[in-house]
Amino acid sequence: ASIEVTELLDFEEQWPRWSARKDEAIRARFGVTPARYFQILIERSTREALEARPMLASRLRRCRERARAEQTRRHAG
């Protein structure tokens, strides 16, 4: 089953920070692991998300960019 962008954004607004409780809520609501949830969230952080929730989409983009930079740094040295 496909998860709608609005569902992801609504959930992320309710749970802006990671916690064990958020992991449990992800599994209960979406039926996926937290890792898969974040993959889907990043995949769906598109123009549609930016138009629907500009501040949240911008925050998610910054998080994605930091994660990529950290991954590049780890692989480089």
PDB file of N, CA and C in Angstrom:
ATOM      1  N   ALA A   1       0.837  -1.186   0.000  1.00  0.00           N
ATOM      2  CA  ALA A   1       0.000   0.000   0.000  1.00  0.00           C
ATOM      3  C   ALA A   1       0.883   1.251   0.000  1.00  0.00           C
ATOM      4  N   SER A   2       0.518   2.176  -0.815  1.00  0.00           N
ATOM      5  CA  SER A   2       1.282   3.408  -0.940  1.00  0.00           C
ATOM      6  C   SER A   2       0.904   4.381   0.181  1.00  0.00           C
ATOM      7  N   ILE A   3       1.893   5.043   0.694  1.00  0.00           N
ATOM      8  CA  ILE A   3       1.665   6.021   1.749  1.00  0.00           C
ATOM      9  C   ILE A   3       1.589   7.394   1.098  1.00  0.00           C
ATOM     10  N   GLU A   4       0.529   8.116   1.360  1.00  0.00           N
ATOM     11  CA  GLU A   4       0.331   9.442   0.781  1.00  0.00           C
ATOM     12  C   GLU A   4       1.271  10.463   1.409  1.00  0.00           C
ATOM     13  N   VAL A   5       1.679  11.435   0.610  1.00  0.00           N
ATOM     14  CA  VAL A   5       2.555  12.505   1.079  1.00  0.00           C
ATOM     15  C   VAL A   5       1.925  13.214   2.272  1.00  0.00           C
ATOM     16  N   THR A   6       0.641  13.499   2.199  1.00  0.00           N
ATOM     17  CA  THR A   6      -0.005  14.228   3.300  1.00  0.00           C
ATOM     18  C   THR A   6       0.015  13.421   4.593  1.00  0.00           C
ATOM     19  N   GLU A   7      -0.118  12.091   4.490  1.00  0.00           N
ATOM     20  CA  GLU A   7      -0.029  11.243   5.685  1.00  0.00           C
ATOM     21  C   GLU A   7       1.341  11.362   6.340  1.00  0.00           C
ATOM     22  N   LEU A   8       2.370  11.301   5.501  1.00  0.00           N
ATOM     23  CA  LEU A   8       3.738  11.426   6.008  1.00  0.00           C
ATOM     24  C   LEU A   8       3.960  12.774   6.670  1.00  0.00           C
ATOM     25  N   LEU A   9       3.527  13.826   6.003  1.00  0.00           N
ATOM     26  CA  LEU A   9       3.735  15.169   6.528  1.00  0.00           C
ATOM     27  C   LEU A   9       2.957  15.387   7.827  1.00  0.00           C
ATOM     28  N   ASP A  10       1.715  14.903   7.867  1.00  0.00           N
ATOM     29  CA  ASP A  10       0.920  15.018   9.099  1.00  0.00           C
ATOM     30  C   ASP A  10       1.634  14.312  10.252  1.00  0.00           C
ATOM     31  N   PHE A  11       2.099  13.096   9.985  1.00  0.00           N
ATOM     32  CA  PHE A  11       2.770  12.318  11.021  1.00  0.00           C
ATOM     33  C   PHE A  11       4.049  13.013  11.468  1.00  0.00           C
ATOM     34  N   GLU A  12       4.831  13.492  10.514  1.00  0.00           N
ATOM     35  CA  GLU A  12       6.112  14.117  10.842  1.00  0.00           C
ATOM     36  C   GLU A  12       5.904  15.398  11.647  1.00  0.00           C
ATOM     37  N   GLU A  13       4.826  16.105  11.389  1.00  0.00           N
ATOM     38  CA  GLU A  13       4.530  17.297  12.196  1.00  0.00           C
ATOM     39  C   GLU A  13       4.171  16.913  13.625  1.00  0.00           C
ATOM     40  N   GLN A  14       3.518  15.777  13.806  1.00  0.00           N
ATOM     41  CA  GLN A  14       3.164  15.318  15.148  1.00  0.00           C
ATOM     42  C   GLN A  14       4.379  14.787  15.903  1.00  0.00           C
ATOM     43  N   TRP A  15       5.343  14.234  15.173  1.00  0.00           N
ATOM     44  CA  TRP A  15       6.513  13.600  15.766  1.00  0.00           C
ATOM     45  C   TRP A  15       7.780  14.204  15.151  1.00  0.00           C
ATOM     46  N   PRO A  16       8.114  15.441  15.449  1.00  0.00           N
ATOM     47  CA  PRO A  16       9.264  16.078  14.794  1.00  0.00           C
ATOM     48  C   PRO A  16      10.626  15.527  15.216  1.00  0.00           C
ATOM     49  N   ARG A  17      10.727  14.917  16.359  1.00  0.00           N
ATOM     50  CA  ARG A  17      12.002  14.394  16.858  1.00  0.00           C
ATOM     51  C   ARG A  17      11.933  12.877  16.957  1.00  0.00           C
ATOM     52  N   TRP A  18      13.113  12.258  16.804  1.00  0.00           N
ATOM     53  CA  TRP A  18      13.174  10.818  16.946  1.00  0.00           C
ATOM     54  C   TRP A  18      13.040  10.428  18.409  1.00  0.00           C
ATOM     55  N   SER A  19      12.369   9.323  18.636  1.00  0.00           N
ATOM     56  CA  SER A  19      12.287   8.704  19.955  1.00  0.00           C
ATOM     57  C   SER A  19      11.857   7.257  19.760  1.00  0.00           C
ATOM     58  N   ALA A  20      12.018   6.470  20.792  1.00  0.00           N
ATOM     59  CA  ALA A  20      11.560   5.080  20.718  1.00  0.00           C
ATOM     60  C   ALA A  20      10.053   5.042  20.508  1.00  0.00           C
ATOM     61  N   ARG A  21       9.351   5.984  21.106  1.00  0.00           N
ATOM     62  CA  ARG A  21       7.892   6.044  20.920  1.00  0.00           C
ATOM     63  C   ARG A  21       7.536   6.359  19.468  1.00  0.00           C
ATOM     64  N   LYS A  22       8.352   7.207  18.819  1.00  0.00           N
ATOM     65  CA  LYS A  22       8.102   7.512  17.405  1.00  0.00           C
ATOM     66  C   LYS A  22       8.288   6.242  16.574  1.00  0.00           C
ATOM     67  N   ASP A  23       9.337   5.466  16.872  1.00  0.00           N
ATOM     68  CA  ASP A  23       9.551   4.205  16.158  1.00  0.00           C
ATOM     69  C   ASP A  23       8.326   3.306  16.273  1.00  0.00           C
ATOM     70  N   GLU A  24       7.784   3.187  17.481  1.00  0.00           N
ATOM     71  CA  GLU A  24       6.591   2.362  17.701  1.00  0.00           C
ATOM     72  C   GLU A  24       5.408   2.907  16.913  1.00  0.00           C
ATOM     73  N   ALA A  25       5.254   4.224  16.910  1.00  0.00           N
ATOM     74  CA  ALA A  25       4.148   4.855  16.183  1.00  0.00           C
ATOM     75  C   ALA A  25       4.281   4.642  14.673  1.00  0.00           C
ATOM     76  N   ILE A  26       5.499   4.680  14.163  1.00  0.00           N
ATOM     77  CA  ILE A  26       5.737   4.430  12.732  1.00  0.00           C
ATOM     78  C   ILE A  26       5.285   3.020  12.371  1.00  0.00           C
ATOM     79  N   ARG A  27       5.716   2.057  13.170  1.00  0.00           N
ATOM     80  CA  ARG A  27       5.343   0.661  12.899  1.00  0.00           C
ATOM     81  C   ARG A  27       3.824   0.466  12.961  1.00  0.00           C
ATOM     82  N   ALA A  28       3.194   1.084  13.955  1.00  0.00           N
ATOM     83  CA  ALA A  28       1.751   0.924  14.127  1.00  0.00           C
ATOM     84  C   ALA A  28       0.965   1.613  13.008  1.00  0.00           C
ATOM     85  N   ARG A  29       1.358   2.810  12.649  1.00  0.00           N
ATOM     86  CA  ARG A  29       0.578   3.583  11.670  1.00  0.00           C
ATOM     87  C   ARG A  29       0.832   3.165  10.232  1.00  0.00           C
ATOM     88  N   PHE A  30       2.112   2.922   9.890  1.00  0.00           N
ATOM     89  CA  PHE A  30       2.448   2.677   8.492  1.00  0.00           C
ATOM     90  C   PHE A  30       2.806   1.221   8.195  1.00  0.00           C
ATOM     91  N   GLY A  31       3.060   0.423   9.235  1.00  0.00           N
ATOM     92  CA  GLY A  31       3.391  -0.982   9.025  1.00  0.00           C
ATOM     93  C   GLY A  31       4.742  -1.199   8.377  1.00  0.00           C
ATOM     94  N   VAL A  32       5.667  -0.269   8.607  1.00  0.00           N
ATOM     95  CA  VAL A  32       7.029  -0.392   8.075  1.00  0.00           C
ATOM     96  C   VAL A  32       8.021  -0.113   9.189  1.00  0.00           C
ATOM     97  N   THR A  33       9.269  -0.485   8.948  1.00  0.00           N
ATOM     98  CA  THR A  33      10.313  -0.184   9.924  1.00  0.00           C
ATOM     99  C   THR A  33      10.600   1.317   9.903  1.00  0.00           C
ATOM    100  N   PRO A  34      11.166   1.842  10.973  1.00  0.00           N
ATOM    101  CA  PRO A  34      11.548   3.250  10.971  1.00  0.00           C
ATOM    102  C   PRO A  34      12.512   3.597   9.829  1.00  0.00           C
ATOM    103  N   ALA A  35      13.451   2.706   9.531  1.00  0.00           N
ATOM    104  CA  ALA A  35      14.382   2.968   8.430  1.00  0.00           C
ATOM    105  C   ALA A  35      13.639   3.126   7.111  1.00  0.00           C
ATOM    106  N   ARG A  36      12.682   2.253   6.858  1.00  0.00           N
ATOM    107  CA  ARG A  36      11.894   2.335   5.612  1.00  0.00           C
ATOM    108  C   ARG A  36      11.031   3.592   5.604  1.00  0.00           C
ATOM    109  N   TYR A  37      10.467   3.934   6.747  1.00  0.00           N
ATOM    110  CA  TYR A  37       9.675   5.166   6.853  1.00  0.00           C
ATOM    111  C   TYR A  37      10.504   6.370   6.410  1.00  0.00           C
ATOM    112  N   PHE A  38      11.733   6.468   6.919  1.00  0.00           N
ATOM    113  CA  PHE A  38      12.562   7.613   6.572  1.00  0.00           C
ATOM    114  C   PHE A  38      12.967   7.585   5.103  1.00  0.00           C
ATOM    115  N   GLN A  39      13.177   6.399   4.534  1.00  0.00           N
ATOM    116  CA  GLN A  39      13.450   6.305   3.098  1.00  0.00           C
ATOM    117  C   GLN A  39      12.262   6.839   2.304  1.00  0.00           C
ATOM    118  N   ILE A  40      11.071   6.410   2.677  1.00  0.00           N
ATOM    119  CA  ILE A  40       9.862   6.862   1.984  1.00  0.00           C
ATOM    120  C   ILE A  40       9.686   8.365   2.163  1.00  0.00           C
ATOM    121  N   LEU A  41       9.894   8.849   3.367  1.00  0.00           N
ATOM    122  CA  LEU A  41       9.753  10.271   3.654  1.00  0.00           C
ATOM    123  C   LEU A  41      10.679  11.094   2.764  1.00  0.00           C
ATOM    124  N   ILE A  42      11.930  10.659   2.636  1.00  0.00           N
ATOM    125  CA  ILE A  42      12.886  11.379   1.799  1.00  0.00           C
ATOM    126  C   ILE A  42      12.487  11.285   0.328  1.00  0.00           C
ATOM    127  N   GLU A  43      12.064  10.114  -0.115  1.00  0.00           N
ATOM    128  CA  GLU A  43      11.630   9.946  -1.506  1.00  0.00           C
ATOM    129  C   GLU A  43      10.454  10.862  -1.842  1.00  0.00           C
ATOM    130  N   ARG A  44       9.564  11.042  -0.878  1.00  0.00           N
ATOM    131  CA  ARG A  44       8.342  11.814  -1.124  1.00  0.00           C
ATOM    132  C   ARG A  44       8.479  13.296  -0.792  1.00  0.00           C
ATOM    133  N   SER A  45       9.665  13.707  -0.321  1.00  0.00           N
ATOM    134  CA  SER A  45       9.891  15.127  -0.005  1.00  0.00           C
ATOM    135  C   SER A  45      10.128  15.883  -1.309  1.00  0.00           C
ATOM    136  N   THR A  46       9.079  16.013  -2.048  1.00  0.00           N
ATOM    137  CA  THR A  46       9.118  16.573  -3.399  1.00  0.00           C
ATOM    138  C   THR A  46       8.495  17.958  -3.425  1.00  0.00           C
ATOM    139  N   ARG A  47       8.326  18.456  -4.617  1.00  0.00           N
ATOM    140  CA  ARG A  47       7.689  19.753  -4.790  1.00  0.00           C
ATOM    141  C   ARG A  47       6.285  19.751  -4.171  1.00  0.00           C
ATOM    142  N   GLU A  48       5.577  18.638  -4.307  1.00  0.00           N
ATOM    143  CA  GLU A  48       4.241  18.539  -3.700  1.00  0.00           C
ATOM    144  C   GLU A  48       4.304  18.786  -2.195  1.00  0.00           C
ATOM    145  N   ALA A  49       5.295  18.184  -1.548  1.00  0.00           N
ATOM    146  CA  ALA A  49       5.466  18.382  -0.106  1.00  0.00           C
ATOM    147  C   ALA A  49       5.827  19.824   0.195  1.00  0.00           C
ATOM    148  N   LEU A  50       6.700  20.396  -0.614  1.00  0.00           N
ATOM    149  CA  LEU A  50       7.117  21.780  -0.409  1.00  0.00           C
ATOM    150  C   LEU A  50       5.930  22.734  -0.543  1.00  0.00           C
ATOM    151  N   GLU A  51       5.060  22.464  -1.493  1.00  0.00           N
ATOM    152  CA  GLU A  51       3.874  23.305  -1.675  1.00  0.00           C
ATOM    153  C   GLU A  51       2.880  23.124  -0.531  1.00  0.00           C
ATOM    154  N   ALA A  52       2.744  21.890  -0.057  1.00  0.00           N
ATOM    155  CA  ALA A  52       1.768  21.604   0.997  1.00  0.00           C
ATOM    156  C   ALA A  52       2.228  22.118   2.357  1.00  0.00           C
ATOM    157  N   ARG A  53       3.490  21.915   2.682  1.00  0.00           N
ATOM    158  CA  ARG A  53       4.033  22.281   3.989  1.00  0.00           C
ATOM    159  C   ARG A  53       5.445  22.813   3.814  1.00  0.00           C
ATOM    160  N   PRO A  54       5.606  24.055   3.385  1.00  0.00           N
ATOM    161  CA  PRO A  54       6.933  24.577   3.045  1.00  0.00           C
ATOM    162  C   PRO A  54       7.954  24.504   4.178  1.00  0.00           C
ATOM    163  N   MET A  55       7.570  24.842   5.390  1.00  0.00           N
ATOM    164  CA  MET A  55       8.540  24.832   6.492  1.00  0.00           C
ATOM    165  C   MET A  55       8.993  23.411   6.821  1.00  0.00           C
ATOM    166  N   LEU A  56       8.050  22.484   6.870  1.00  0.00           N
ATOM    167  CA  LEU A  56       8.387  21.099   7.168  1.00  0.00           C
ATOM    168  C   LEU A  56       9.239  20.508   6.051  1.00  0.00           C
ATOM    169  N   ALA A  57       8.859  20.727   4.810  1.00  0.00           N
ATOM    170  CA  ALA A  57       9.626  20.192   3.680  1.00  0.00           C
ATOM    171  C   ALA A  57      11.043  20.762   3.667  1.00  0.00           C
ATOM    172  N   SER A  58      11.186  22.009   4.002  1.00  0.00           N
ATOM    173  CA  SER A  58      12.519  22.624   4.061  1.00  0.00           C
ATOM    174  C   SER A  58      13.356  21.992   5.164  1.00  0.00           C
ATOM    175  N   ARG A  59      12.740  21.742   6.314  1.00  0.00           N
ATOM    176  CA  ARG A  59      13.462  21.089   7.414  1.00  0.00           C
ATOM    177  C   ARG A  59      13.907  19.690   7.002  1.00  0.00           C
ATOM    178  N   LEU A  60      13.026  18.959   6.330  1.00  0.00           N
ATOM    179  CA  LEU A  60      13.369  17.611   5.890  1.00  0.00           C
ATOM    180  C   LEU A  60      14.507  17.646   4.863  1.00  0.00           C
ATOM    181  N   ARG A  61      14.484  18.635   3.977  1.00  0.00           N
ATOM    182  CA  ARG A  61      15.551  18.772   2.988  1.00  0.00           C
ATOM    183  C   ARG A  61      16.891  19.038   3.683  1.00  0.00           C
ATOM    184  N   ARG A  62      16.887  19.910   4.689  1.00  0.00           N
ATOM    185  CA  ARG A  62      18.122  20.194   5.422  1.00  0.00           C
ATOM    186  C   ARG A  62      18.640  18.935   6.126  1.00  0.00           C
ATOM    187  N   CYS A  63      17.735  18.162   6.715  1.00  0.00           N
ATOM    188  CA  CYS A  63      18.133  16.914   7.374  1.00  0.00           C
ATOM    189  C   CYS A  63      18.751  15.951   6.363  1.00  0.00           C
ATOM    190  N   ARG A  64      18.137  15.846   5.206  1.00  0.00           N
ATOM    191  CA  ARG A  64      18.651  14.965   4.155  1.00  0.00           C
ATOM    192  C   ARG A  64      20.041  15.416   3.711  1.00  0.00           C
ATOM    193  N   GLU A  65      20.224  16.726   3.541  1.00  0.00           N
ATOM    194  CA  GLU A  65      21.519  17.247   3.114  1.00  0.00           C
ATOM    195  C   GLU A  65      22.597  16.998   4.168  1.00  0.00           C
ATOM    196  N   ARG A  66      22.253  17.154   5.449  1.00  0.00           N
ATOM    197  CA  ARG A  66      23.215  16.869   6.524  1.00  0.00           C
ATOM    198  C   ARG A  66      23.594  15.391   6.527  1.00  0.00           C
ATOM    199  N   ALA A  67      22.612  14.524   6.334  1.00  0.00           N
ATOM    200  CA  ALA A  67      22.881  13.083   6.322  1.00  0.00           C
ATOM    201  C   ALA A  67      23.792  12.716   5.157  1.00  0.00           C
ATOM    202  N   ARG A  68      23.557  13.298   3.999  1.00  0.00           N
ATOM    203  CA  ARG A  68      24.417  13.033   2.841  1.00  0.00           C
ATOM    204  C   ARG A  68      25.832  13.533   3.092  1.00  0.00           C
ATOM    205  N   ALA A  69      25.955  14.716   3.667  1.00  0.00           N
ATOM    206  CA  ALA A  69      27.281  15.269   3.957  1.00  0.00           C
ATOM    207  C   ALA A  69      28.030  14.383   4.954  1.00  0.00           C
ATOM    208  N   GLU A  70      27.331  13.894   5.965  1.00  0.00           N
ATOM    209  CA  GLU A  70      27.942  13.010   6.953  1.00  0.00           C
ATOM    210  C   GLU A  70      28.371  11.695   6.300  1.00  0.00           C
ATOM    211  N   GLN A  71      27.556  11.165   5.439  1.00  0.00           N
ATOM    212  CA  GLN A  71      27.887   9.921   4.746  1.00  0.00           C
ATOM    213  C   GLN A  71      29.123  10.126   3.855  1.00  0.00           C
ATOM    214  N   THR A  72      29.170  11.235   3.153  1.00  0.00           N
ATOM    215  CA  THR A  72      30.327  11.543   2.304  1.00  0.00           C
ATOM    216  C   THR A  72      31.580  11.683   3.155  1.00  0.00           C
ATOM    217  N   ARG A  73      31.467  12.366   4.300  1.00  0.00           N
ATOM    218  CA  ARG A  73      32.600  12.560   5.185  1.00  0.00           C
ATOM    219  C   ARG A  73      33.119  11.219   5.705  1.00  0.00           C
ATOM    220  N   ARG A  74      32.215  10.323   6.075  1.00  0.00           N
ATOM    221  CA  ARG A  74      32.625   9.012   6.586  1.00  0.00           C
ATOM    222  C   ARG A  74      33.327   8.186   5.521  1.00  0.00           C
ATOM    223  N   HIS A  75      32.825   8.263   4.295  1.00  0.00           N
ATOM    224  CA  HIS A  75      33.437   7.475   3.215  1.00  0.00           C
ATOM    225  C   HIS A  75      34.765   8.063   2.757  1.00  0.00           C
ATOM    226  N   ALA A  76      34.950   9.355   2.953  1.00  0.00           N
ATOM    227  CA  ALA A  76      36.173  10.012   2.505  1.00  0.00           C
ATOM    228  C   ALA A  76      37.343   9.786   3.463  1.00  0.00           C
ATOM    229  N   GLY A  77      37.040   9.549   4.695  1.00  0.00           N
ATOM    230  CA  GLY A  77      38.182   9.498   5.559  1.00  0.00           C
ATOM    231  C   GLY A  77      38.079   8.747   6.781  1.00  0.00           C
TER     232      GLY A  77
END
